[in-house]
Protein backbone atom coordinates (compact mmCIF):
# COMPACT_ATOMS: atom_id res chain seq x y z
CA MET A 1 -100.25 56.61 120.23
CA LYS A 2 -100.16 54.99 116.79
CA LYS A 3 -101.94 57.16 114.22
CA ILE A 4 -103.48 55.57 111.11
CA LEU A 5 -104.78 57.41 108.06
CA PHE A 6 -106.85 55.62 105.42
CA VAL A 7 -107.07 57.35 102.04
CA CYS A 8 -108.99 56.84 98.82
CA HIS A 9 -109.99 58.99 95.88
CA GLY A 10 -112.90 60.95 97.38
CA ASN A 11 -113.14 59.88 101.04
CA ILE A 12 -116.80 58.86 100.86
CA CYS A 13 -116.73 55.08 100.20
CA ARG A 14 -113.65 52.98 100.92
CA SER A 15 -111.53 55.09 103.26
CA PRO A 16 -114.39 55.99 105.63
CA MET A 17 -115.48 52.34 105.52
CA ALA A 18 -111.96 51.36 106.59
CA GLU A 19 -111.91 54.13 109.21
CA PHE A 20 -115.11 52.94 110.88
CA VAL A 21 -114.25 49.23 110.60
CA MET A 22 -110.81 49.84 112.09
CA LYS A 23 -112.18 52.04 114.88
CA HIS A 24 -114.62 49.24 115.73
CA LEU A 25 -111.86 46.60 115.78
CA VAL A 26 -109.58 48.84 117.83
CA CYS A 27 -112.40 49.43 120.35
CA GLU A 28 -113.19 45.72 120.56
CA ALA A 29 -109.49 45.04 121.24
CA GLY A 30 -109.46 47.64 124.04
CA LEU A 31 -106.85 49.72 122.21
CA ALA A 32 -108.74 53.00 121.68
CA ASP A 33 -106.21 54.80 123.88
CA GLU A 34 -103.31 53.43 121.83
CA ILE A 35 -104.49 53.60 118.21
CA SER A 36 -106.08 56.62 116.51
CA VAL A 37 -107.83 56.22 113.13
CA THR A 38 -109.12 58.68 110.53
CA SER A 39 -109.57 58.94 106.76
CA LYS A 40 -109.07 61.53 104.04
CA ALA A 41 -109.33 62.05 100.28
CA LEU A 42 -106.60 62.33 97.68
CA HIS A 43 -108.81 64.33 95.30
CA ARG A 44 -111.22 67.23 95.78
CA ASP A 45 -114.30 65.71 94.07
CA GLU A 46 -116.29 65.00 97.25
CA ILE A 47 -114.79 67.38 99.83
CA GLY A 48 -117.47 68.21 102.39
CA SER A 49 -119.69 65.25 101.48
CA ASP A 50 -120.86 62.74 104.07
CA THR A 51 -120.12 59.02 103.81
CA HIS A 52 -121.79 57.43 100.77
CA ARG A 53 -125.20 55.88 101.41
CA GLY A 54 -123.96 52.45 100.24
CA THR A 55 -121.11 52.52 102.74
CA ARG A 56 -123.46 53.50 105.55
CA GLU A 57 -125.83 50.66 104.61
CA VAL A 58 -123.11 48.00 104.60
CA LEU A 59 -121.72 49.27 107.91
CA ARG A 60 -125.20 49.08 109.44
CA ALA A 61 -125.65 45.55 108.07
CA HIS A 62 -122.45 44.48 109.87
CA ASN A 63 -123.21 46.39 113.09
CA ILE A 64 -120.26 48.74 112.63
CA PRO A 65 -120.92 52.09 114.31
CA PHE A 66 -120.32 55.25 112.29
CA THR A 67 -120.93 58.96 112.65
CA LYS A 68 -121.89 61.75 110.31
CA ARG A 69 -118.75 63.24 108.81
CA ARG A 70 -117.41 65.42 106.01
CA ALA A 71 -114.85 64.22 103.48
CA SER A 72 -111.57 66.08 103.84
CA LEU A 73 -108.41 66.32 101.78
CA MET A 74 -105.05 64.90 102.80
CA THR A 75 -102.41 67.60 103.29
CA ALA A 76 -98.62 67.56 103.24
CA ALA A 77 -98.65 67.88 107.05
CA ASP A 78 -100.54 64.58 107.29
CA TYR A 79 -97.49 62.67 106.07
CA THR A 80 -95.61 63.80 109.16
CA ALA A 81 -98.59 63.50 111.52
CA PHE A 82 -99.50 59.86 110.79
CA ASP A 83 -97.55 56.66 111.43
CA CYS A 84 -99.34 54.56 108.79
CA ILE A 85 -100.98 55.84 105.61
CA ILE A 86 -103.07 53.19 103.90
CA GLY A 87 -104.25 53.44 100.29
CA MET A 88 -106.94 51.33 98.68
CA ASP A 89 -105.76 50.91 95.08
CA THR A 90 -102.95 51.39 92.60
CA GLU A 91 -104.16 54.89 91.69
CA ASN A 92 -104.10 55.89 95.38
CA MET A 93 -100.59 54.49 95.71
CA ASP A 94 -99.42 56.46 92.66
CA ASP A 95 -101.01 59.61 94.10
CA LEU A 96 -99.38 58.97 97.48
CA ASP A 97 -95.99 58.36 95.88
CA ARG A 98 -96.14 61.76 94.15
CA PHE A 99 -97.67 63.49 97.17
CA THR A 100 -95.09 62.18 99.65
CA GLY A 101 -92.06 62.45 97.40
CA GLY A 102 -91.64 58.69 97.20
CA ASP A 103 -92.60 57.85 100.81
CA PRO A 104 -89.14 58.49 102.33
CA ASP A 105 -90.25 57.30 105.79
CA GLY A 106 -91.85 54.06 104.57
CA LYS A 107 -95.28 54.85 106.02
CA VAL A 108 -97.43 54.10 102.96
CA ARG A 109 -98.97 50.71 102.12
CA ARG A 110 -101.89 49.37 100.15
CA LEU A 111 -104.52 47.86 102.46
CA LEU A 112 -104.65 44.38 100.99
CA SER A 113 -100.86 44.02 101.28
CA TYR A 114 -101.53 43.25 104.95
CA ILE A 115 -103.25 40.00 103.93
CA GLY A 116 -100.54 39.19 101.39
CA VAL A 117 -102.67 40.00 98.35
CA ASP A 118 -101.43 42.11 95.45
CA ARG A 119 -104.70 43.67 94.30
CA ASP A 120 -106.88 46.71 94.84
CA VAL A 121 -109.88 47.18 97.08
CA ALA A 122 -112.51 47.70 94.38
CA ASP A 123 -114.22 51.09 94.43
CA PRO A 124 -117.94 50.53 95.04
CA TRP A 125 -118.63 53.96 93.54
CA TYR A 126 -118.07 52.19 90.21
CA THR A 127 -118.88 48.54 91.01
CA GLY A 128 -121.93 49.13 93.20
CA ASN A 129 -120.81 46.12 95.26
CA PHE A 130 -120.37 47.57 98.74
CA GLU A 131 -120.47 44.11 100.31
CA ALA A 132 -117.41 42.90 98.34
CA THR A 133 -115.58 46.09 99.31
CA TYR A 134 -116.57 45.54 102.94
CA ARG A 135 -115.13 42.00 102.90
CA ASP A 136 -111.80 43.30 101.60
CA VAL A 137 -111.74 46.24 104.02
CA ASP A 138 -112.60 44.02 106.99
CA ALA A 139 -109.89 41.47 106.12
CA GLY A 140 -107.32 44.22 105.54
CA CYS A 141 -108.16 46.03 108.77
CA ARG A 142 -108.02 42.84 110.82
CA ALA A 143 -104.59 42.03 109.39
CA LEU A 144 -103.41 45.63 109.92
CA LEU A 145 -104.48 45.50 113.57
CA LYS A 146 -102.68 42.18 114.00
CA ASP A 147 -99.55 43.73 112.44
CA LEU A 148 -99.76 46.78 114.73
CA THR A 149 -100.09 44.64 117.86
CA LYS A 150 -97.74 41.74 117.04
CA ASN A 151 -94.91 43.10 119.19
CA ALA A 152 -97.13 44.40 122.00
């Protein structure tokens, strides 16, 4: 089983959005038994909080199923436990670099790198534009799934 972990600052906007979008794509592809997906935070700000209302609204608008959840913090053990760890922005990547000791196993990537773009997934906590974030997350997740299944 391939295990994917999406991370962002607080685990209430972008990373749970990516988690639910990716789970939906994996299910549609009939790969739920082969690919596991979750999300976590890199900072403690929102630990225990449910997914942000704006994220839930945009997921509903795009018919992406989601469940009630609680933001949780990435741990050192997660680096070993997951095959792919996907950050949303430069700050996340800097945090992951420090947290993983420079990513010695080459597991860490920024989401939009999968579509060949060198930019961040904007944080809707600050922009308020959950739809723009959704478009980036959807494109990144589709490309990630294609990458994961290209040799299957």
